[in-house]
């Protein structure tokens, strides 16, 4: 299968019919940022962009990504040697990173929210992140990170 991942054409060999995009990204293309938690699209840890739309990569069959554009959390900063992006910096600055398992999906979801709504209200933030589960926090640090990334830090 061939698709563009983080702006670079990539090919994965020996992809079988039932493989998820998440599996291909992590195991075949060496991009471990998106996490494999629930495998049911319930936790949001595997959120990536597919042609500009945030999706749970665990629910996307690898074949559905053929010829399409995929952006992972690694791609949001511009590559492995680039500085962290604004959402990533905000998560670090506010201590919103706990164990880190949910963080990649949250960062993609926040990036998506801020692209659509640069100055979201707290209820809008909560709604946008409703599909992302975190077992470590009470979400307040995550909320602070979104506010900071939006330039609306309280």
C-alpha atoms as a PDB file:
ATOM      1  CA  UNK A   1       0.000   0.000   0.000  1.00  0.00           C
ATOM      2  CA  UNK A   2       1.206   3.485  -0.828  1.00  0.00           C
ATOM      3  CA  UNK A   3       0.058   6.750   0.714  1.00  0.00           C
ATOM      4  CA  UNK A   4       1.534  10.054   1.806  1.00  0.00           C
ATOM      5  CA  UNK A   5       2.418  10.151   5.498  1.00  0.00           C
ATOM      6  CA  UNK A   6       3.455  13.433   7.082  1.00  0.00           C
ATOM      7  CA  UNK A   7       4.126  14.881   3.645  1.00  0.00           C
ATOM      8  CA  UNK A   8       6.307  11.997   2.413  1.00  0.00           C
ATOM      9  CA  UNK A   9       5.199   9.248   0.008  1.00  0.00           C
ATOM     10  CA  UNK A  10       5.450   5.945   1.906  1.00  0.00           C
ATOM     11  CA  UNK A  11       4.948   2.320   0.889  1.00  0.00           C
ATOM     12  CA  UNK A  12       4.199  -0.581   3.191  1.00  0.00           C
ATOM     13  CA  UNK A  13       4.705  -4.087   1.855  1.00  0.00           C
ATOM     14  CA  UNK A  14       2.838  -7.274   2.738  1.00  0.00           C
ATOM     15  CA  UNK A  15      -0.191  -5.452   4.147  1.00  0.00           C
ATOM     16  CA  UNK A  16      -2.973  -7.958   4.609  1.00  0.00           C
ATOM     17  CA  UNK A  17      -6.620  -7.202   4.026  1.00  0.00           C
ATOM     18  CA  UNK A  18      -7.653  -6.795   7.661  1.00  0.00           C
ATOM     19  CA  UNK A  19      -4.799  -4.620   8.884  1.00  0.00           C
ATOM     20  CA  UNK A  20      -5.689  -1.290  10.381  1.00  0.00           C
ATOM     21  CA  UNK A  21      -4.070   1.968   9.404  1.00  0.00           C
ATOM     22  CA  UNK A  22      -2.839   2.158  12.997  1.00  0.00           C
ATOM     23  CA  UNK A  23      -0.984  -1.146  12.668  1.00  0.00           C
ATOM     24  CA  UNK A  24       0.601  -0.075   9.385  1.00  0.00           C
ATOM     25  CA  UNK A  25       1.708   3.268  10.833  1.00  0.00           C
ATOM     26  CA  UNK A  26       3.220   1.754  13.964  1.00  0.00           C
ATOM     27  CA  UNK A  27       4.548  -1.617  12.844  1.00  0.00           C
ATOM     28  CA  UNK A  28       5.268  -1.263   9.141  1.00  0.00           C
ATOM     29  CA  UNK A  29       6.224   2.410   8.841  1.00  0.00           C
ATOM     30  CA  UNK A  30       7.893   2.895  12.229  1.00  0.00           C
ATOM     31  CA  UNK A  31       5.685   5.748  13.472  1.00  0.00           C
ATOM     32  CA  UNK A  32       4.856   4.813  17.082  1.00  0.00           C
ATOM     33  CA  UNK A  33       3.264   8.141  18.069  1.00  0.00           C
ATOM     34  CA  UNK A  34      -0.322   6.996  17.576  1.00  0.00           C
ATOM     35  CA  UNK A  35      -1.114   4.571  20.372  1.00  0.00           C
ATOM     36  CA  UNK A  36      -2.975   1.273  20.292  1.00  0.00           C
ATOM     37  CA  UNK A  37      -5.247   1.256  23.332  1.00  0.00           C
ATOM     38  CA  UNK A  38      -8.823   0.114  22.824  1.00  0.00           C
ATOM     39  CA  UNK A  39      -8.849  -0.942  19.136  1.00  0.00           C
ATOM     40  CA  UNK A  40     -12.540   0.074  19.068  1.00  0.00           C
ATOM     41  CA  UNK A  41     -12.416   3.812  18.387  1.00  0.00           C
ATOM     42  CA  UNK A  42     -13.476   4.624  21.935  1.00  0.00           C
ATOM     43  CA  UNK A  43     -10.360   6.161  23.479  1.00  0.00           C
ATOM     44  CA  UNK A  44      -8.919   8.460  20.785  1.00  0.00           C
ATOM     45  CA  UNK A  45      -5.291   7.463  21.457  1.00  0.00           C
ATOM     46  CA  UNK A  46      -4.768   6.600  17.793  1.00  0.00           C
ATOM     47  CA  UNK A  47      -6.216   9.797  16.294  1.00  0.00           C
ATOM     48  CA  UNK A  48      -4.585  10.883  13.024  1.00  0.00           C
ATOM     49  CA  UNK A  49      -5.626  13.045  10.101  1.00  0.00           C
ATOM     50  CA  UNK A  50      -6.818  11.268   6.960  1.00  0.00           C
ATOM     51  CA  UNK A  51      -7.155  13.770   4.122  1.00  0.00           C
ATOM     52  CA  UNK A  52      -7.493  16.523   6.718  1.00  0.00           C
ATOM     53  CA  UNK A  53     -10.165  14.831   8.834  1.00  0.00           C
ATOM     54  CA  UNK A  54      -9.344  13.539  12.316  1.00  0.00           C
ATOM     55  CA  UNK A  55     -10.058   9.789  12.494  1.00  0.00           C
ATOM     56  CA  UNK A  56      -9.312   6.877  14.788  1.00  0.00           C
ATOM     57  CA  UNK A  57      -6.627   4.974  12.877  1.00  0.00           C
ATOM     58  CA  UNK A  58      -7.643   1.725  14.579  1.00  0.00           C
ATOM     59  CA  UNK A  59     -10.981   1.860  12.745  1.00  0.00           C
ATOM     60  CA  UNK A  60      -9.569   2.642   9.304  1.00  0.00           C
ATOM     61  CA  UNK A  61      -8.628  -0.339   7.159  1.00  0.00           C
ATOM     62  CA  UNK A  62      -5.150   0.194   5.754  1.00  0.00           C
ATOM     63  CA  UNK A  63      -6.489  -0.142   2.210  1.00  0.00           C
ATOM     64  CA  UNK A  64      -8.718   2.883   2.776  1.00  0.00           C
ATOM     65  CA  UNK A  65      -5.602   5.055   3.063  1.00  0.00           C
ATOM     66  CA  UNK A  66      -4.152   4.072  -0.317  1.00  0.00           C
ATOM     67  CA  UNK A  67      -3.350   7.200  -2.303  1.00  0.00           C
ATOM     68  CA  UNK A  68      -4.447   9.457   0.528  1.00  0.00           C
ATOM     69  CA  UNK A  69      -2.754  11.912   2.896  1.00  0.00           C
ATOM     70  CA  UNK A  70      -2.135  10.801   6.493  1.00  0.00           C
ATOM     71  CA  UNK A  71      -0.760  13.116   9.176  1.00  0.00           C
ATOM     72  CA  UNK A  72       0.252  11.653  12.521  1.00  0.00           C
ATOM     73  CA  UNK A  73       1.274  13.378  15.727  1.00  0.00           C
ATOM     74  CA  UNK A  74       4.862  13.136  14.484  1.00  0.00           C
ATOM     75  CA  UNK A  75       3.871  15.187  11.440  1.00  0.00           C
ATOM     76  CA  UNK A  76       2.376  18.056  13.421  1.00  0.00           C
ATOM     77  CA  UNK A  77       5.797  19.346  14.417  1.00  0.00           C
ATOM     78  CA  UNK A  78       7.265  19.003  10.944  1.00  0.00           C
ATOM     79  CA  UNK A  79       9.351  15.886  11.519  1.00  0.00           C
ATOM     80  CA  UNK A  80      11.530  14.095  14.060  1.00  0.00           C
ATOM     81  CA  UNK A  81      14.231  16.771  14.104  1.00  0.00           C
ATOM     82  CA  UNK A  82      11.835  19.728  14.260  1.00  0.00           C
ATOM     83  CA  UNK A  83      10.845  21.631  17.364  1.00  0.00           C
ATOM     84  CA  UNK A  84       7.533  20.644  18.978  1.00  0.00           C
ATOM     85  CA  UNK A  85       4.479  22.360  17.520  1.00  0.00           C
ATOM     86  CA  UNK A  86       2.384  24.893  19.495  1.00  0.00           C
ATOM     87  CA  UNK A  87      -0.045  22.314  20.890  1.00  0.00           C
ATOM     88  CA  UNK A  88       2.807  20.017  21.896  1.00  0.00           C
ATOM     89  CA  UNK A  89       4.605  22.922  23.616  1.00  0.00           C
ATOM     90  CA  UNK A  90       1.410  23.853  25.469  1.00  0.00           C
ATOM     91  CA  UNK A  91       0.984  20.280  26.731  1.00  0.00           C
ATOM     92  CA  UNK A  92       4.551  20.308  28.027  1.00  0.00           C
ATOM     93  CA  UNK A  93       4.272  23.779  29.581  1.00  0.00           C
ATOM     94  CA  UNK A  94       1.098  22.990  31.514  1.00  0.00           C
ATOM     95  CA  UNK A  95       2.024  19.484  32.636  1.00  0.00           C
ATOM     96  CA  UNK A  96      -0.798  17.952  30.600  1.00  0.00           C
ATOM     97  CA  UNK A  97       1.434  14.989  29.736  1.00  0.00           C
ATOM     98  CA  UNK A  98       1.043  12.291  32.360  1.00  0.00           C
ATOM     99  CA  UNK A  99       1.844   8.724  31.303  1.00  0.00           C
ATOM    100  CA  UNK A 100       1.736   9.926  27.687  1.00  0.00           C
ATOM    101  CA  UNK A 101      -0.420   7.148  26.296  1.00  0.00           C
ATOM    102  CA  UNK A 102      -3.409   9.347  25.418  1.00  0.00           C
ATOM    103  CA  UNK A 103      -1.285  12.401  24.631  1.00  0.00           C
ATOM    104  CA  UNK A 104      -0.714  11.851  20.881  1.00  0.00           C
ATOM    105  CA  UNK A 105      -4.436  11.480  20.204  1.00  0.00           C
ATOM    106  CA  UNK A 106      -5.245  14.475  22.373  1.00  0.00           C
ATOM    107  CA  UNK A 107      -2.656  16.592  20.580  1.00  0.00           C
ATOM    108  CA  UNK A 108      -4.132  15.724  17.174  1.00  0.00           C
ATOM    109  CA  UNK A 109      -7.657  16.398  18.484  1.00  0.00           C
ATOM    110  CA  UNK A 110      -6.604  19.770  19.921  1.00  0.00           C
ATOM    111  CA  UNK A 111      -4.812  20.671  16.693  1.00  0.00           C
ATOM    112  CA  UNK A 112      -8.010  19.822  14.811  1.00  0.00           C
ATOM    113  CA  UNK A 113     -10.147  21.872  17.215  1.00  0.00           C
ATOM    114  CA  UNK A 114      -7.896  24.935  16.981  1.00  0.00           C
ATOM    115  CA  UNK A 115      -7.804  24.714  13.182  1.00  0.00           C
ATOM    116  CA  UNK A 116     -11.609  24.914  13.167  1.00  0.00           C
ATOM    117  CA  UNK A 117     -12.018  27.246  16.141  1.00  0.00           C
ATOM    118  CA  UNK A 118      -8.905  29.238  17.155  1.00  0.00           C
ATOM    119  CA  UNK A 119     -10.476  30.537  20.382  1.00  0.00           C
ATOM    120  CA  UNK A 120     -12.777  27.830  21.759  1.00  0.00           C
ATOM    121  CA  UNK A 121     -14.777  28.181  24.950  1.00  0.00           C
ATOM    122  CA  UNK A 122     -14.389  25.606  27.707  1.00  0.00           C
ATOM    123  CA  UNK A 123     -17.611  23.801  26.684  1.00  0.00           C
ATOM    124  CA  UNK A 124     -16.358  23.687  23.082  1.00  0.00           C
ATOM    125  CA  UNK A 125     -13.037  22.255  24.255  1.00  0.00           C
ATOM    126  CA  UNK A 126     -14.795  19.586  26.311  1.00  0.00           C
ATOM    127  CA  UNK A 127     -17.008  18.649  23.375  1.00  0.00           C
ATOM    128  CA  UNK A 128     -14.055  18.442  20.969  1.00  0.00           C
ATOM    129  CA  UNK A 129     -12.118  16.199  23.366  1.00  0.00           C
ATOM    130  CA  UNK A 130     -15.046  14.006  24.378  1.00  0.00           C
ATOM    131  CA  UNK A 131     -13.727  11.161  22.203  1.00  0.00           C
ATOM    132  CA  UNK A 132     -10.352  11.107  23.959  1.00  0.00           C
ATOM    133  CA  UNK A 133      -9.973   9.248  27.231  1.00  0.00           C
ATOM    134  CA  UNK A 134      -7.242   9.819  29.794  1.00  0.00           C
ATOM    135  CA  UNK A 135      -6.902   7.635  32.865  1.00  0.00           C
ATOM    136  CA  UNK A 136      -4.232   9.738  34.592  1.00  0.00           C
ATOM    137  CA  UNK A 137      -5.724  13.215  34.861  1.00  0.00           C
ATOM    138  CA  UNK A 138      -8.816  15.092  35.832  1.00  0.00           C
ATOM    139  CA  UNK A 139      -8.469  16.825  32.441  1.00  0.00           C
ATOM    140  CA  UNK A 140      -7.812  20.263  33.964  1.00  0.00           C
ATOM    141  CA  UNK A 141      -4.179  20.338  32.814  1.00  0.00           C
ATOM    142  CA  UNK A 142      -5.368  19.309  29.352  1.00  0.00           C
ATOM    143  CA  UNK A 143      -7.886  22.150  29.381  1.00  0.00           C
ATOM    144  CA  UNK A 144      -5.098  24.536  30.422  1.00  0.00           C
ATOM    145  CA  UNK A 145      -2.970  23.278  27.544  1.00  0.00           C
ATOM    146  CA  UNK A 146      -5.746  23.945  25.027  1.00  0.00           C
ATOM    147  CA  UNK A 147      -6.279  27.441  26.418  1.00  0.00           C
ATOM    148  CA  UNK A 148      -2.549  28.128  26.253  1.00  0.00           C
ATOM    149  CA  UNK A 149      -2.246  26.814  22.705  1.00  0.00           C
ATOM    150  CA  UNK A 150      -5.199  28.999  21.733  1.00  0.00           C
ATOM    151  CA  UNK A 151      -3.575  32.024  23.353  1.00  0.00           C
ATOM    152  CA  UNK A 152      -6.380  32.204  25.891  1.00  0.00           C
ATOM    153  CA  UNK A 153      -4.535  30.930  28.962  1.00  0.00           C
ATOM    154  CA  UNK A 154      -6.451  31.817  32.077  1.00  0.00           C
END
